[in-house]
Amino acid sequence: MTEDQGYKVSVDVETREEETDLYDMSFFLSGNEAKAPKEKAIITRRFKDQNGEPIPFVFQAISTERIEDLQKFHTKTITKGKRRGQKDFDNERFSAAIAVESTIYPKFSDAKILKSYGTQDAITAAKKMLSIGGEYSNWIDRAMLVNGYGEESEDVQDEEAAKN
């Protein structure tokens, strides 16, 4: 028996090695992962193709490293006042940045889109394009789902269904 953070833990090394032999770790080696799939979703019904059908937005997940970069970018250190030295995280802008980078089509950073909406900021262009109640938040919600936020794995869902 060993102690780990105040708890007694029993370790059976032989059993662990036998269990590990049952599983093929090569499936999880770098380079074996599938590329994040592209997903389509109707975010607004106001933009239609030549047949009058709503044009779906196309999304693709971004990397964990990129999400961490965006999180750092949208976290500022307060330099004045009573909260001096504390961190301030802009969750709204962070979520919108994830949505902008996860949206393949339309590309909100495209020069034509930016010029059309009179801005140099892709998030502002998205807000102007998706200006009717719910469109903007639905777009952000979809981008977050594509990136694995707010979504339970199928295994967890299956286990919960079996309990009920």
N, C-alpha and C. Protein backbone atom coordinates (compact mmCIF):
# COMPACT_ATOMS: atom_id res chain seq x y z
N MET A 1 0.84 -1.19 0.00
CA MET A 1 0.00 0.00 0.00
C MET A 1 0.88 1.24 0.00
N THR A 2 0.42 2.23 -0.76
CA THR A 2 1.10 3.53 -0.79
C THR A 2 0.09 4.60 -0.42
N GLU A 3 0.59 5.76 -0.03
CA GLU A 3 -0.30 6.87 0.27
C GLU A 3 -0.17 7.92 -0.82
N ASP A 4 -1.32 8.36 -1.33
CA ASP A 4 -1.36 9.38 -2.37
C ASP A 4 -2.33 10.46 -1.93
N GLN A 5 -1.82 11.64 -1.62
CA GLN A 5 -2.62 12.77 -1.17
C GLN A 5 -3.49 12.41 0.03
N GLY A 6 -2.93 11.66 0.99
CA GLY A 6 -3.64 11.33 2.20
C GLY A 6 -4.54 10.12 2.10
N TYR A 7 -4.68 9.52 0.97
CA TYR A 7 -5.51 8.33 0.81
C TYR A 7 -4.61 7.12 0.64
N LYS A 8 -5.05 6.00 1.20
CA LYS A 8 -4.28 4.77 1.02
C LYS A 8 -4.69 4.16 -0.31
N VAL A 9 -3.70 3.86 -1.12
CA VAL A 9 -3.94 3.31 -2.45
C VAL A 9 -3.23 1.98 -2.55
N SER A 10 -3.94 0.95 -2.95
CA SER A 10 -3.35 -0.37 -3.13
C SER A 10 -2.97 -0.51 -4.59
N VAL A 11 -1.71 -0.85 -4.83
CA VAL A 11 -1.22 -0.98 -6.20
C VAL A 11 -0.78 -2.41 -6.41
N ASP A 12 -1.39 -3.06 -7.38
CA ASP A 12 -1.00 -4.40 -7.76
C ASP A 12 -0.34 -4.29 -9.13
N VAL A 13 0.99 -4.23 -9.15
CA VAL A 13 1.74 -3.97 -10.37
C VAL A 13 1.48 -5.05 -11.41
N GLU A 14 1.45 -6.32 -11.00
CA GLU A 14 1.24 -7.40 -11.98
C GLU A 14 -0.12 -7.27 -12.66
N THR A 15 -1.17 -6.94 -11.92
CA THR A 15 -2.49 -6.79 -12.51
C THR A 15 -2.51 -5.64 -13.49
N ARG A 16 -1.87 -4.53 -13.14
CA ARG A 16 -1.82 -3.37 -14.03
C ARG A 16 -1.13 -3.73 -15.35
N GLU A 17 -0.03 -4.45 -15.29
CA GLU A 17 0.68 -4.83 -16.51
C GLU A 17 -0.17 -5.74 -17.37
N GLU A 18 -0.90 -6.68 -16.75
CA GLU A 18 -1.78 -7.58 -17.50
C GLU A 18 -2.90 -6.78 -18.18
N GLU A 19 -3.48 -5.82 -17.46
CA GLU A 19 -4.54 -5.01 -18.03
C GLU A 19 -4.02 -4.18 -19.21
N THR A 20 -2.83 -3.61 -19.08
CA THR A 20 -2.25 -2.81 -20.14
C THR A 20 -2.01 -3.64 -21.38
N ASP A 21 -1.62 -4.90 -21.21
CA ASP A 21 -1.38 -5.78 -22.35
C ASP A 21 -2.66 -6.05 -23.14
N LEU A 22 -3.83 -5.91 -22.51
CA LEU A 22 -5.09 -6.16 -23.18
C LEU A 22 -5.48 -5.03 -24.14
N TYR A 23 -4.89 -3.86 -23.95
CA TYR A 23 -5.24 -2.70 -24.74
C TYR A 23 -4.08 -2.31 -25.65
N ASP A 24 -4.41 -2.00 -26.88
CA ASP A 24 -3.40 -1.60 -27.86
C ASP A 24 -3.23 -0.08 -27.81
N MET A 25 -2.14 0.38 -27.24
CA MET A 25 -1.89 1.82 -27.10
C MET A 25 -1.52 2.49 -28.42
N SER A 26 -1.18 1.71 -29.43
CA SER A 26 -0.77 2.30 -30.71
C SER A 26 -1.90 3.11 -31.36
N PHE A 27 -3.15 2.82 -30.99
CA PHE A 27 -4.27 3.59 -31.53
C PHE A 27 -4.18 5.06 -31.14
N PHE A 28 -3.53 5.32 -29.99
CA PHE A 28 -3.50 6.67 -29.44
C PHE A 28 -2.19 7.39 -29.68
N LEU A 29 -1.32 6.85 -30.50
CA LEU A 29 -0.06 7.50 -30.80
C LEU A 29 -0.30 8.68 -31.74
N SER A 30 0.57 9.66 -31.63
CA SER A 30 0.46 10.86 -32.45
C SER A 30 0.42 10.50 -33.93
N GLY A 31 -0.48 11.14 -34.64
CA GLY A 31 -0.62 10.89 -36.07
C GLY A 31 -1.73 9.91 -36.40
N ASN A 32 -2.27 9.22 -35.40
CA ASN A 32 -3.34 8.25 -35.64
C ASN A 32 -4.74 8.83 -35.48
N GLU A 33 -4.80 10.08 -35.06
CA GLU A 33 -6.12 10.69 -34.84
C GLU A 33 -6.73 11.12 -36.17
N ALA A 34 -8.05 11.08 -36.22
CA ALA A 34 -8.77 11.55 -37.40
C ALA A 34 -8.81 13.07 -37.38
N LYS A 35 -8.82 13.67 -38.53
CA LYS A 35 -8.95 15.12 -38.63
C LYS A 35 -10.36 15.50 -38.18
N ALA A 36 -10.47 16.64 -37.52
CA ALA A 36 -11.78 17.10 -37.07
C ALA A 36 -12.70 17.26 -38.28
N PRO A 37 -13.89 16.68 -38.21
CA PRO A 37 -14.80 16.76 -39.36
C PRO A 37 -15.38 18.16 -39.52
N LYS A 38 -15.79 18.46 -40.74
CA LYS A 38 -16.50 19.71 -41.01
C LYS A 38 -17.98 19.44 -40.78
N GLU A 39 -18.64 20.40 -40.17
CA GLU A 39 -20.06 20.26 -39.89
C GLU A 39 -20.82 21.45 -40.46
N LYS A 40 -21.99 21.17 -41.00
CA LYS A 40 -22.85 22.23 -41.55
C LYS A 40 -24.04 22.45 -40.64
N ALA A 41 -24.47 23.71 -40.54
CA ALA A 41 -25.65 24.03 -39.75
C ALA A 41 -26.29 25.31 -40.29
N ILE A 42 -27.61 25.33 -40.29
CA ILE A 42 -28.34 26.53 -40.66
C ILE A 42 -28.35 27.43 -39.42
N ILE A 43 -27.71 28.57 -39.51
CA ILE A 43 -27.63 29.51 -38.40
C ILE A 43 -28.67 30.62 -38.57
N THR A 44 -28.90 31.00 -39.80
CA THR A 44 -29.90 32.03 -40.12
C THR A 44 -30.62 31.61 -41.39
N ARG A 45 -31.87 31.99 -41.47
CA ARG A 45 -32.66 31.70 -42.68
C ARG A 45 -32.76 32.94 -43.58
N ARG A 46 -32.03 33.98 -43.23
CA ARG A 46 -32.10 35.24 -43.98
C ARG A 46 -31.19 35.27 -45.20
N PHE A 47 -30.18 34.43 -45.25
CA PHE A 47 -29.27 34.38 -46.41
C PHE A 47 -29.59 33.10 -47.18
N LYS A 48 -30.00 33.29 -48.44
CA LYS A 48 -30.48 32.15 -49.24
C LYS A 48 -29.69 32.01 -50.53
N ASP A 49 -29.61 30.77 -51.02
CA ASP A 49 -28.94 30.51 -52.28
C ASP A 49 -29.88 30.82 -53.45
N GLN A 50 -29.42 30.54 -54.67
CA GLN A 50 -30.21 30.85 -55.87
C GLN A 50 -31.53 30.07 -55.94
N ASN A 51 -31.67 28.99 -55.17
CA ASN A 51 -32.91 28.21 -55.15
C ASN A 51 -33.82 28.62 -53.99
N GLY A 52 -33.42 29.63 -53.25
CA GLY A 52 -34.23 30.10 -52.13
C GLY A 52 -34.04 29.31 -50.84
N GLU A 53 -33.03 28.45 -50.82
CA GLU A 53 -32.76 27.63 -49.63
C GLU A 53 -31.77 28.36 -48.71
N PRO A 54 -31.96 28.24 -47.38
CA PRO A 54 -31.00 28.85 -46.45
C PRO A 54 -29.60 28.26 -46.66
N ILE A 55 -28.61 29.11 -46.57
CA ILE A 55 -27.22 28.68 -46.79
C ILE A 55 -26.64 28.23 -45.46
N PRO A 56 -26.18 26.97 -45.39
CA PRO A 56 -25.60 26.50 -44.13
C PRO A 56 -24.22 27.09 -43.89
N PHE A 57 -23.92 27.34 -42.63
CA PHE A 57 -22.57 27.71 -42.23
C PHE A 57 -21.78 26.40 -42.12
N VAL A 58 -20.47 26.48 -42.35
CA VAL A 58 -19.61 25.30 -42.24
C VAL A 58 -18.64 25.56 -41.09
N PHE A 59 -18.55 24.59 -40.19
CA PHE A 59 -17.72 24.70 -38.99
C PHE A 59 -16.68 23.57 -38.95
N GLN A 60 -15.57 23.84 -38.29
CA GLN A 60 -14.57 22.81 -38.01
C GLN A 60 -13.87 23.19 -36.71
N ALA A 61 -13.68 22.21 -35.85
CA ALA A 61 -13.05 22.44 -34.55
C ALA A 61 -11.63 22.98 -34.73
N ILE A 62 -11.21 23.81 -33.78
CA ILE A 62 -9.84 24.31 -33.76
C ILE A 62 -9.08 23.57 -32.66
N SER A 63 -7.78 23.68 -32.68
CA SER A 63 -6.95 22.91 -31.76
C SER A 63 -7.04 23.43 -30.32
N THR A 64 -6.75 22.55 -29.39
CA THR A 64 -6.69 22.92 -27.98
C THR A 64 -5.66 24.03 -27.76
N GLU A 65 -4.53 23.94 -28.45
CA GLU A 65 -3.49 24.96 -28.32
C GLU A 65 -4.01 26.32 -28.76
N ARG A 66 -4.77 26.35 -29.85
CA ARG A 66 -5.31 27.62 -30.34
C ARG A 66 -6.33 28.18 -29.35
N ILE A 67 -7.16 27.31 -28.79
CA ILE A 67 -8.13 27.75 -27.79
C ILE A 67 -7.41 28.34 -26.58
N GLU A 68 -6.32 27.71 -26.14
CA GLU A 68 -5.54 28.24 -25.02
C GLU A 68 -4.95 29.61 -25.37
N ASP A 69 -4.48 29.77 -26.61
CA ASP A 69 -3.96 31.07 -27.05
C ASP A 69 -5.06 32.14 -27.00
N LEU A 70 -6.25 31.80 -27.46
CA LEU A 70 -7.37 32.74 -27.43
C LEU A 70 -7.75 33.09 -25.99
N GLN A 71 -7.70 32.09 -25.12
CA GLN A 71 -8.02 32.31 -23.72
C GLN A 71 -7.02 33.29 -23.09
N LYS A 72 -5.75 33.11 -23.36
CA LYS A 72 -4.72 34.02 -22.85
C LYS A 72 -4.91 35.42 -23.42
N PHE A 73 -5.21 35.51 -24.71
CA PHE A 73 -5.39 36.80 -25.37
C PHE A 73 -6.55 37.59 -24.76
N HIS A 74 -7.60 36.88 -24.34
CA HIS A 74 -8.79 37.54 -23.81
C HIS A 74 -8.78 37.63 -22.28
N THR A 75 -7.62 37.41 -21.68
CA THR A 75 -7.43 37.58 -20.24
C THR A 75 -6.47 38.74 -20.04
N LYS A 76 -6.93 39.74 -19.34
CA LYS A 76 -6.13 40.94 -19.09
C LYS A 76 -5.86 41.07 -17.60
N THR A 77 -4.72 41.63 -17.27
CA THR A 77 -4.39 41.94 -15.88
C THR A 77 -4.83 43.36 -15.61
N ILE A 78 -5.59 43.55 -14.56
CA ILE A 78 -6.09 44.87 -14.19
C ILE A 78 -4.92 45.66 -13.58
N THR A 79 -4.73 46.88 -14.06
CA THR A 79 -3.56 47.67 -13.64
C THR A 79 -3.91 48.83 -12.71
N LYS A 80 -5.21 49.09 -12.52
CA LYS A 80 -5.60 50.22 -11.68
C LYS A 80 -6.71 49.81 -10.72
N GLY A 81 -6.87 50.58 -9.67
CA GLY A 81 -7.99 50.41 -8.76
C GLY A 81 -7.80 49.31 -7.74
N LYS A 82 -8.90 48.98 -7.08
CA LYS A 82 -8.89 47.98 -6.00
C LYS A 82 -8.56 46.57 -6.51
N ARG A 83 -8.88 46.30 -7.74
CA ARG A 83 -8.64 44.95 -8.30
C ARG A 83 -7.28 44.84 -9.00
N ARG A 84 -6.42 45.79 -8.77
CA ARG A 84 -5.10 45.82 -9.42
C ARG A 84 -4.38 44.48 -9.23
N GLY A 85 -3.86 43.97 -10.33
CA GLY A 85 -3.14 42.70 -10.30
C GLY A 85 -4.01 41.48 -10.54
N GLN A 86 -5.33 41.64 -10.46
CA GLN A 86 -6.23 40.53 -10.70
C GLN A 86 -6.43 40.33 -12.20
N LYS A 87 -6.84 39.14 -12.55
CA LYS A 87 -7.10 38.80 -13.95
C LYS A 87 -8.56 39.06 -14.28
N ASP A 88 -8.80 39.57 -15.48
CA ASP A 88 -10.15 39.81 -15.98
C ASP A 88 -10.29 39.07 -17.30
N PHE A 89 -11.21 38.12 -17.34
CA PHE A 89 -11.41 37.29 -18.52
C PHE A 89 -12.68 37.72 -19.26
N ASP A 90 -12.55 38.03 -20.55
CA ASP A 90 -13.67 38.45 -21.38
C ASP A 90 -14.25 37.21 -22.08
N ASN A 91 -15.15 36.53 -21.38
CA ASN A 91 -15.71 35.28 -21.89
C ASN A 91 -16.53 35.48 -23.17
N GLU A 92 -17.24 36.60 -23.26
CA GLU A 92 -18.06 36.85 -24.45
C GLU A 92 -17.19 36.98 -25.69
N ARG A 93 -16.14 37.75 -25.60
CA ARG A 93 -15.23 37.95 -26.74
C ARG A 93 -14.45 36.66 -27.04
N PHE A 94 -14.07 35.93 -26.00
CA PHE A 94 -13.38 34.64 -26.15
C PHE A 94 -14.25 33.66 -26.93
N SER A 95 -15.51 33.53 -26.53
CA SER A 95 -16.43 32.61 -27.22
C SER A 95 -16.64 33.03 -28.67
N ALA A 96 -16.76 34.34 -28.89
CA ALA A 96 -16.93 34.84 -30.26
C ALA A 96 -15.68 34.56 -31.10
N ALA A 97 -14.50 34.68 -30.50
CA ALA A 97 -13.26 34.40 -31.23
C ALA A 97 -13.18 32.93 -31.62
N ILE A 98 -13.60 32.04 -30.72
CA ILE A 98 -13.65 30.61 -31.06
C ILE A 98 -14.61 30.40 -32.23
N ALA A 99 -15.76 31.07 -32.20
CA ALA A 99 -16.74 30.93 -33.27
C ALA A 99 -16.19 31.43 -34.60
N VAL A 100 -15.52 32.58 -34.58
CA VAL A 100 -14.93 33.13 -35.81
C VAL A 100 -13.93 32.15 -36.40
N GLU A 101 -13.06 31.61 -35.55
CA GLU A 101 -12.01 30.72 -36.06
C GLU A 101 -12.53 29.34 -36.43
N SER A 102 -13.67 28.95 -35.88
CA SER A 102 -14.25 27.64 -36.19
C SER A 102 -15.17 27.69 -37.40
N THR A 103 -15.55 28.89 -37.82
CA THR A 103 -16.45 29.03 -38.97
C THR A 103 -15.62 29.13 -40.24
N ILE A 104 -15.75 28.09 -41.06
CA ILE A 104 -15.02 28.04 -42.33
C ILE A 104 -15.77 28.83 -43.40
N TYR A 105 -17.11 28.74 -43.34
CA TYR A 105 -17.94 29.44 -44.32
C TYR A 105 -19.21 29.92 -43.65
N PRO A 106 -19.53 31.18 -43.69
CA PRO A 106 -18.76 32.25 -44.32
C PRO A 106 -17.52 32.60 -43.49
N LYS A 107 -16.51 33.09 -44.15
CA LYS A 107 -15.25 33.47 -43.50
C LYS A 107 -15.39 34.93 -43.06
N PHE A 108 -15.58 35.14 -41.77
CA PHE A 108 -15.84 36.48 -41.26
C PHE A 108 -14.65 37.42 -41.38
N SER A 109 -13.46 36.87 -41.55
CA SER A 109 -12.26 37.71 -41.70
C SER A 109 -11.97 38.05 -43.16
N ASP A 110 -12.82 37.59 -44.07
CA ASP A 110 -12.66 37.87 -45.49
C ASP A 110 -12.78 39.37 -45.74
N ALA A 111 -11.87 39.92 -46.55
CA ALA A 111 -11.84 41.36 -46.81
C ALA A 111 -13.17 41.89 -47.35
N LYS A 112 -13.85 41.12 -48.22
CA LYS A 112 -15.13 41.56 -48.77
C LYS A 112 -16.21 41.63 -47.67
N ILE A 113 -16.20 40.67 -46.78
CA ILE A 113 -17.18 40.65 -45.67
C ILE A 113 -16.93 41.85 -44.76
N LEU A 114 -15.66 42.04 -44.39
CA LEU A 114 -15.31 43.14 -43.49
C LEU A 114 -15.70 44.49 -44.10
N LYS A 115 -15.38 44.68 -45.38
CA LYS A 115 -15.72 45.94 -46.05
C LYS A 115 -17.23 46.12 -46.12
N SER A 116 -17.94 45.04 -46.45
CA SER A 116 -19.40 45.09 -46.58
C SER A 116 -20.07 45.55 -45.29
N TYR A 117 -19.53 45.10 -44.14
CA TYR A 117 -20.13 45.45 -42.85
C TYR A 117 -19.43 46.64 -42.19
N GLY A 118 -18.49 47.29 -42.90
CA GLY A 118 -17.86 48.51 -42.42
C GLY A 118 -17.02 48.35 -41.18
N THR A 119 -16.26 47.28 -41.11
CA THR A 119 -15.42 47.02 -39.95
C THR A 119 -14.14 46.30 -40.35
N GLN A 120 -13.17 46.32 -39.48
CA GLN A 120 -11.94 45.55 -39.68
C GLN A 120 -11.88 44.38 -38.69
N ASP A 121 -12.95 44.20 -37.91
CA ASP A 121 -13.00 43.18 -36.87
C ASP A 121 -13.99 42.08 -37.26
N ALA A 122 -13.52 40.85 -37.33
CA ALA A 122 -14.37 39.73 -37.75
C ALA A 122 -15.53 39.50 -36.78
N ILE A 123 -15.31 39.71 -35.50
CA ILE A 123 -16.39 39.52 -34.52
C ILE A 123 -17.49 40.57 -34.74
N THR A 124 -17.10 41.79 -34.98
CA THR A 124 -18.08 42.84 -35.26
C THR A 124 -18.84 42.53 -36.54
N ALA A 125 -18.15 42.04 -37.55
CA ALA A 125 -18.82 41.65 -38.80
C ALA A 125 -19.85 40.56 -38.53
N ALA A 126 -19.50 39.58 -37.70
CA ALA A 126 -20.44 38.51 -37.36
C ALA A 126 -21.66 39.06 -36.63
N LYS A 127 -21.43 39.99 -35.68
CA LYS A 127 -22.55 40.60 -34.95
C LYS A 127 -23.47 41.36 -35.90
N LYS A 128 -22.90 42.06 -36.86
CA LYS A 128 -23.72 42.82 -37.80
C LYS A 128 -24.46 41.89 -38.76
N MET A 129 -23.81 40.83 -39.21
CA MET A 129 -24.45 39.88 -40.13
C MET A 129 -25.57 39.12 -39.42
N LEU A 130 -25.30 38.68 -38.20
CA LEU A 130 -26.26 37.88 -37.44
C LEU A 130 -26.98 38.77 -36.44
N SER A 131 -27.69 39.75 -36.96
CA SER A 131 -28.23 40.84 -36.15
C SER A 131 -29.62 40.59 -35.57
N ILE A 132 -30.28 39.53 -35.96
CA ILE A 132 -31.62 39.25 -35.45
C ILE A 132 -31.50 38.36 -34.22
N GLY A 133 -32.33 38.66 -33.22
CA GLY A 133 -32.29 37.94 -31.95
C GLY A 133 -32.09 36.44 -32.10
N GLY A 134 -31.12 35.94 -31.43
CA GLY A 134 -30.85 34.51 -31.40
C GLY A 134 -29.83 34.03 -32.42
N GLU A 135 -29.72 34.69 -33.56
CA GLU A 135 -28.78 34.22 -34.59
C GLU A 135 -27.34 34.21 -34.08
N TYR A 136 -26.93 35.31 -33.50
CA TYR A 136 -25.54 35.44 -33.03
C TYR A 136 -25.25 34.41 -31.94
N SER A 137 -26.15 34.28 -30.97
CA SER A 137 -25.91 33.32 -29.89
C SER A 137 -26.02 31.88 -30.40
N ASN A 138 -26.90 31.61 -31.36
CA ASN A 138 -26.98 30.26 -31.95
C ASN A 138 -25.68 29.92 -32.68
N TRP A 139 -25.09 30.90 -33.34
CA TRP A 139 -23.82 30.71 -34.05
C TRP A 139 -22.71 30.36 -33.05
N ILE A 140 -22.63 31.12 -31.97
CA ILE A 140 -21.60 30.84 -30.95
C ILE A 140 -21.85 29.47 -30.32
N ASP A 141 -23.11 29.16 -30.00
CA ASP A 141 -23.43 27.86 -29.40
C ASP A 141 -23.01 26.71 -30.32
N ARG A 142 -23.26 26.86 -31.62
CA ARG A 142 -22.89 25.80 -32.57
C ARG A 142 -21.38 25.63 -32.63
N ALA A 143 -20.65 26.74 -32.66
CA ALA A 143 -19.19 26.68 -32.70
C ALA A 143 -18.64 26.01 -31.45
N MET A 144 -19.24 26.31 -30.31
CA MET A 144 -18.78 25.70 -29.06
C MET A 144 -19.05 24.18 -29.08
N LEU A 145 -20.20 23.78 -29.60
CA LEU A 145 -20.51 22.35 -29.72
C LEU A 145 -19.51 21.63 -30.63
N VAL A 146 -19.20 22.27 -31.75
CA VAL A 146 -18.25 21.69 -32.70
C VAL A 146 -16.89 21.46 -32.02
N ASN A 147 -16.56 22.34 -31.06
CA ASN A 147 -15.29 22.24 -30.35
C ASN A 147 -15.38 21.39 -29.08
N GLY A 148 -16.52 20.73 -28.89
CA GLY A 148 -16.64 19.78 -27.78
C GLY A 148 -17.14 20.37 -26.48
N TYR A 149 -17.55 21.62 -26.47
CA TYR A 149 -18.08 22.24 -25.26
C TYR A 149 -19.59 22.02 -25.17
N GLY A 150 -20.06 21.65 -23.98
CA GLY A 150 -21.49 21.50 -23.78
C GLY A 150 -22.06 20.24 -24.39
N GLU A 151 -21.20 19.30 -24.70
CA GLU A 151 -21.65 18.08 -25.36
C GLU A 151 -21.18 16.89 -24.53
N GLU A 152 -22.11 15.99 -24.22
CA GLU A 152 -21.72 14.79 -23.50
C GLU A 152 -21.33 13.71 -24.50
N SER A 153 -20.39 12.89 -24.11
CA SER A 153 -20.00 11.80 -25.01
C SER A 153 -21.15 10.80 -25.12
N GLU A 154 -21.17 10.04 -26.19
CA GLU A 154 -22.22 9.04 -26.38
C GLU A 154 -22.20 8.00 -25.28
N ASP A 155 -21.00 7.64 -24.79
CA ASP A 155 -20.89 6.66 -23.72
C ASP A 155 -21.58 7.16 -22.46
N VAL A 156 -21.38 8.42 -22.12
CA VAL A 156 -22.01 9.00 -20.93
C VAL A 156 -23.52 9.01 -21.13
N GLN A 157 -23.99 9.39 -22.32
CA GLN A 157 -25.41 9.41 -22.60
C GLN A 157 -26.00 8.00 -22.51
N ASP A 158 -25.29 6.99 -23.04
CA ASP A 158 -25.74 5.61 -22.98
C ASP A 158 -25.86 5.12 -21.55
N GLU A 159 -24.85 5.47 -20.70
CA GLU A 159 -24.88 5.07 -19.30
C GLU A 159 -26.05 5.70 -18.58
N GLU A 160 -26.33 6.98 -18.84
CA GLU A 160 -27.43 7.67 -18.19
C GLU A 160 -28.77 7.09 -18.62
N ALA A 161 -28.91 6.75 -19.90
CA ALA A 161 -30.14 6.15 -20.41
C ALA A 161 -30.39 4.79 -19.77
N ALA A 162 -29.32 4.03 -19.57
CA ALA A 162 -29.45 2.70 -18.97
C ALA A 162 -29.90 2.80 -17.51
N LYS A 163 -29.48 3.87 -16.81
CA LYS A 163 -29.87 4.06 -15.40
C LYS A 163 -31.35 4.36 -15.30
N ASN A 164 -31.91 5.05 -16.29
CA ASN A 164 -33.33 5.46 -16.22
C ASN A 164 -34.18 4.38 -16.75
